[in-house]
Amino acid sequence: MLEQLKGIIVNYVEVEPDNIHPESRFMEDLGFTSFDFMSMLGELEDTFDIEVDQQEAAGIRTVQEAADYLEKLTA
């Protein structure tokens, strides 16, 4: 899941996949804006055929937290 997520993240920010780590924070480390993050969530919904809860998504700060959340939704 982490590798798939990295592949999607690079569509939104100019970061090499090798520089995206589980502890990377979307805003502070990867340079996401709120709009980038919401757009990425929409792509994740389409890619994985899931529905992201906006309240839960607001609490996601790191790549690992996002991967864990996706695992939970796709299980």
N, C-alpha and C. Protein backbone atom coordinates (compact mmCIF):
# COMPACT_ATOMS: atom_id res chain seq x y z
N MET A 1 0.83 -1.20 0.00
CA MET A 1 0.00 0.00 0.00
C MET A 1 0.87 1.26 0.00
N LEU A 2 1.96 1.20 0.74
CA LEU A 2 2.84 2.36 0.83
C LEU A 2 3.41 2.74 -0.53
N GLU A 3 3.81 1.75 -1.31
CA GLU A 3 4.38 2.03 -2.64
C GLU A 3 3.32 2.63 -3.57
N GLN A 4 2.10 2.11 -3.51
CA GLN A 4 1.02 2.66 -4.33
C GLN A 4 0.75 4.10 -3.94
N LEU A 5 0.76 4.35 -2.65
CA LEU A 5 0.51 5.69 -2.15
C LEU A 5 1.60 6.66 -2.61
N LYS A 6 2.85 6.22 -2.57
CA LYS A 6 3.96 7.06 -3.06
C LYS A 6 3.75 7.43 -4.52
N GLY A 7 3.29 6.46 -5.32
CA GLY A 7 3.04 6.71 -6.74
C GLY A 7 1.99 7.77 -6.96
N ILE A 8 1.04 7.86 -6.06
CA ILE A 8 -0.01 8.89 -6.17
C ILE A 8 0.50 10.23 -5.63
N ILE A 9 1.25 10.19 -4.55
CA ILE A 9 1.77 11.42 -3.95
C ILE A 9 2.59 12.22 -4.95
N VAL A 10 3.42 11.54 -5.75
CA VAL A 10 4.29 12.28 -6.68
C VAL A 10 3.51 13.00 -7.77
N ASN A 11 2.22 12.70 -7.92
CA ASN A 11 1.39 13.43 -8.87
C ASN A 11 1.02 14.82 -8.35
N TYR A 12 1.20 15.04 -7.07
CA TYR A 12 0.75 16.28 -6.44
C TYR A 12 1.86 17.21 -5.98
N VAL A 13 3.01 16.66 -5.67
CA VAL A 13 4.13 17.48 -5.21
C VAL A 13 5.40 17.01 -5.91
N GLU A 14 6.36 17.90 -6.02
CA GLU A 14 7.61 17.58 -6.70
C GLU A 14 8.59 16.96 -5.71
N VAL A 15 8.35 15.70 -5.40
CA VAL A 15 9.20 14.95 -4.49
C VAL A 15 9.48 13.60 -5.13
N GLU A 16 10.73 13.18 -5.10
CA GLU A 16 11.08 11.87 -5.63
C GLU A 16 10.51 10.79 -4.71
N PRO A 17 10.02 9.69 -5.29
CA PRO A 17 9.49 8.60 -4.45
C PRO A 17 10.47 8.13 -3.37
N ASP A 18 11.76 8.15 -3.67
CA ASP A 18 12.76 7.71 -2.69
C ASP A 18 12.84 8.66 -1.49
N ASN A 19 12.33 9.88 -1.65
CA ASN A 19 12.36 10.85 -0.56
C ASN A 19 11.06 10.88 0.24
N ILE A 20 10.16 9.95 -0.07
CA ILE A 20 8.89 9.85 0.67
C ILE A 20 9.03 8.67 1.64
N HIS A 21 8.92 8.97 2.92
CA HIS A 21 9.11 7.97 3.95
C HIS A 21 7.82 7.82 4.76
N PRO A 22 7.66 6.69 5.47
CA PRO A 22 6.43 6.52 6.27
C PRO A 22 6.18 7.67 7.25
N GLU A 23 7.25 8.23 7.79
CA GLU A 23 7.08 9.32 8.77
C GLU A 23 6.96 10.70 8.13
N SER A 24 7.05 10.77 6.80
CA SER A 24 6.93 12.07 6.11
C SER A 24 5.55 12.66 6.36
N ARG A 25 5.54 13.95 6.73
CA ARG A 25 4.28 14.65 6.95
C ARG A 25 3.89 15.34 5.65
N PHE A 26 2.61 15.24 5.30
CA PHE A 26 2.14 15.77 4.02
C PHE A 26 2.43 17.26 3.87
N MET A 27 2.02 18.06 4.83
CA MET A 27 2.16 19.52 4.70
C MET A 27 3.60 19.96 4.96
N GLU A 28 4.14 19.59 6.10
CA GLU A 28 5.43 20.11 6.54
C GLU A 28 6.61 19.56 5.74
N ASP A 29 6.60 18.26 5.44
CA ASP A 29 7.75 17.63 4.79
C ASP A 29 7.62 17.53 3.27
N LEU A 30 6.41 17.27 2.80
CA LEU A 30 6.23 17.04 1.37
C LEU A 30 5.71 18.26 0.62
N GLY A 31 5.27 19.28 1.34
CA GLY A 31 4.85 20.52 0.70
C GLY A 31 3.44 20.53 0.16
N PHE A 32 2.59 19.64 0.68
CA PHE A 32 1.19 19.64 0.24
C PHE A 32 0.49 20.91 0.71
N THR A 33 -0.44 21.40 -0.10
CA THR A 33 -1.39 22.41 0.35
C THR A 33 -2.67 21.66 0.73
N SER A 34 -3.58 22.34 1.36
CA SER A 34 -4.86 21.70 1.70
C SER A 34 -5.57 21.23 0.44
N PHE A 35 -5.49 22.03 -0.62
CA PHE A 35 -6.13 21.66 -1.88
C PHE A 35 -5.48 20.41 -2.46
N ASP A 36 -4.14 20.35 -2.44
CA ASP A 36 -3.43 19.16 -2.93
C ASP A 36 -3.91 17.91 -2.18
N PHE A 37 -3.99 18.04 -0.87
CA PHE A 37 -4.35 16.90 -0.04
C PHE A 37 -5.77 16.42 -0.35
N MET A 38 -6.70 17.36 -0.47
CA MET A 38 -8.08 16.99 -0.78
C MET A 38 -8.18 16.38 -2.18
N SER A 39 -7.42 16.91 -3.11
CA SER A 39 -7.40 16.34 -4.47
C SER A 39 -6.86 14.92 -4.45
N MET A 40 -5.80 14.71 -3.68
CA MET A 40 -5.23 13.37 -3.58
C MET A 40 -6.24 12.40 -2.96
N LEU A 41 -6.97 12.85 -1.95
CA LEU A 41 -7.99 11.99 -1.35
C LEU A 41 -9.02 11.57 -2.38
N GLY A 42 -9.41 12.49 -3.24
CA GLY A 42 -10.36 12.16 -4.31
C GLY A 42 -9.79 11.10 -5.24
N GLU A 43 -8.52 11.22 -5.57
CA GLU A 43 -7.89 10.22 -6.43
C GLU A 43 -7.81 8.86 -5.72
N LEU A 44 -7.52 8.88 -4.43
CA LEU A 44 -7.48 7.62 -3.68
C LEU A 44 -8.85 6.95 -3.67
N GLU A 45 -9.91 7.76 -3.53
CA GLU A 45 -11.27 7.20 -3.56
C GLU A 45 -11.53 6.51 -4.90
N ASP A 46 -11.14 7.17 -5.98
CA ASP A 46 -11.36 6.60 -7.32
C ASP A 46 -10.48 5.37 -7.55
N THR A 47 -9.22 5.46 -7.15
CA THR A 47 -8.27 4.38 -7.40
C THR A 47 -8.63 3.11 -6.64
N PHE A 48 -9.00 3.28 -5.37
CA PHE A 48 -9.25 2.12 -4.51
C PHE A 48 -10.72 1.80 -4.33
N ASP A 49 -11.60 2.59 -4.99
CA ASP A 49 -13.05 2.41 -4.88
C ASP A 49 -13.49 2.39 -3.41
N ILE A 50 -13.11 3.46 -2.72
CA ILE A 50 -13.43 3.61 -1.31
C ILE A 50 -14.08 4.96 -1.09
N GLU A 51 -14.60 5.18 0.11
CA GLU A 51 -15.11 6.50 0.47
C GLU A 51 -14.36 6.97 1.71
N VAL A 52 -13.68 8.08 1.56
CA VAL A 52 -12.87 8.65 2.65
C VAL A 52 -13.77 9.52 3.52
N ASP A 53 -13.73 9.29 4.81
CA ASP A 53 -14.46 10.11 5.76
C ASP A 53 -13.67 11.40 5.98
N GLN A 54 -14.28 12.53 5.69
CA GLN A 54 -13.57 13.81 5.77
C GLN A 54 -13.06 14.11 7.17
N GLN A 55 -13.83 13.74 8.19
CA GLN A 55 -13.40 13.98 9.57
C GLN A 55 -12.15 13.16 9.90
N GLU A 56 -12.16 11.89 9.49
CA GLU A 56 -10.99 11.04 9.76
C GLU A 56 -9.79 11.51 8.94
N ALA A 57 -10.04 11.90 7.70
CA ALA A 57 -8.96 12.34 6.82
C ALA A 57 -8.28 13.59 7.37
N ALA A 58 -9.04 14.42 8.05
CA ALA A 58 -8.48 15.66 8.62
C ALA A 58 -7.41 15.35 9.67
N GLY A 59 -7.45 14.17 10.25
CA GLY A 59 -6.47 13.80 11.26
C GLY A 59 -5.23 13.12 10.72
N ILE A 60 -5.20 12.86 9.42
CA ILE A 60 -4.06 12.19 8.81
C ILE A 60 -2.94 13.20 8.58
N ARG A 61 -1.79 12.92 9.16
CA ARG A 61 -0.64 13.83 9.03
C ARG A 61 0.52 13.22 8.27
N THR A 62 0.73 11.91 8.42
CA THR A 62 1.90 11.28 7.81
C THR A 62 1.50 10.28 6.73
N VAL A 63 2.47 9.93 5.93
CA VAL A 63 2.26 8.95 4.86
C VAL A 63 1.84 7.61 5.46
N GLN A 64 2.47 7.21 6.58
CA GLN A 64 2.11 5.94 7.22
C GLN A 64 0.67 5.96 7.73
N GLU A 65 0.24 7.08 8.29
CA GLU A 65 -1.15 7.18 8.76
C GLU A 65 -2.11 7.03 7.58
N ALA A 66 -1.77 7.62 6.45
CA ALA A 66 -2.61 7.50 5.26
C ALA A 66 -2.64 6.06 4.77
N ALA A 67 -1.49 5.41 4.75
CA ALA A 67 -1.43 4.02 4.30
C ALA A 67 -2.24 3.12 5.23
N ASP A 68 -2.12 3.34 6.54
CA ASP A 68 -2.89 2.55 7.51
C ASP A 68 -4.38 2.76 7.31
N TYR A 69 -4.78 4.00 7.07
CA TYR A 69 -6.20 4.31 6.85
C TYR A 69 -6.70 3.61 5.59
N LEU A 70 -5.91 3.65 4.53
CA LEU A 70 -6.30 2.97 3.29
C LEU A 70 -6.41 1.46 3.49
N GLU A 71 -5.47 0.90 4.24
CA GLU A 71 -5.52 -0.55 4.54
C GLU A 71 -6.84 -0.89 5.22
N LYS A 72 -7.23 -0.05 6.17
CA LYS A 72 -8.46 -0.30 6.92
C LYS A 72 -9.68 -0.25 5.99
N LEU A 73 -9.69 0.72 5.07
CA LEU A 73 -10.84 0.87 4.18
C LEU A 73 -10.91 -0.20 3.10
N THR A 74 -9.76 -0.72 2.71
CA THR A 74 -9.74 -1.70 1.62
C THR A 74 -9.75 -3.14 2.11
N ALA A 75 -9.69 -3.33 3.42
CA ALA A 75 -9.65 -4.70 3.98
C ALA A 75 -10.98 -5.41 3.81
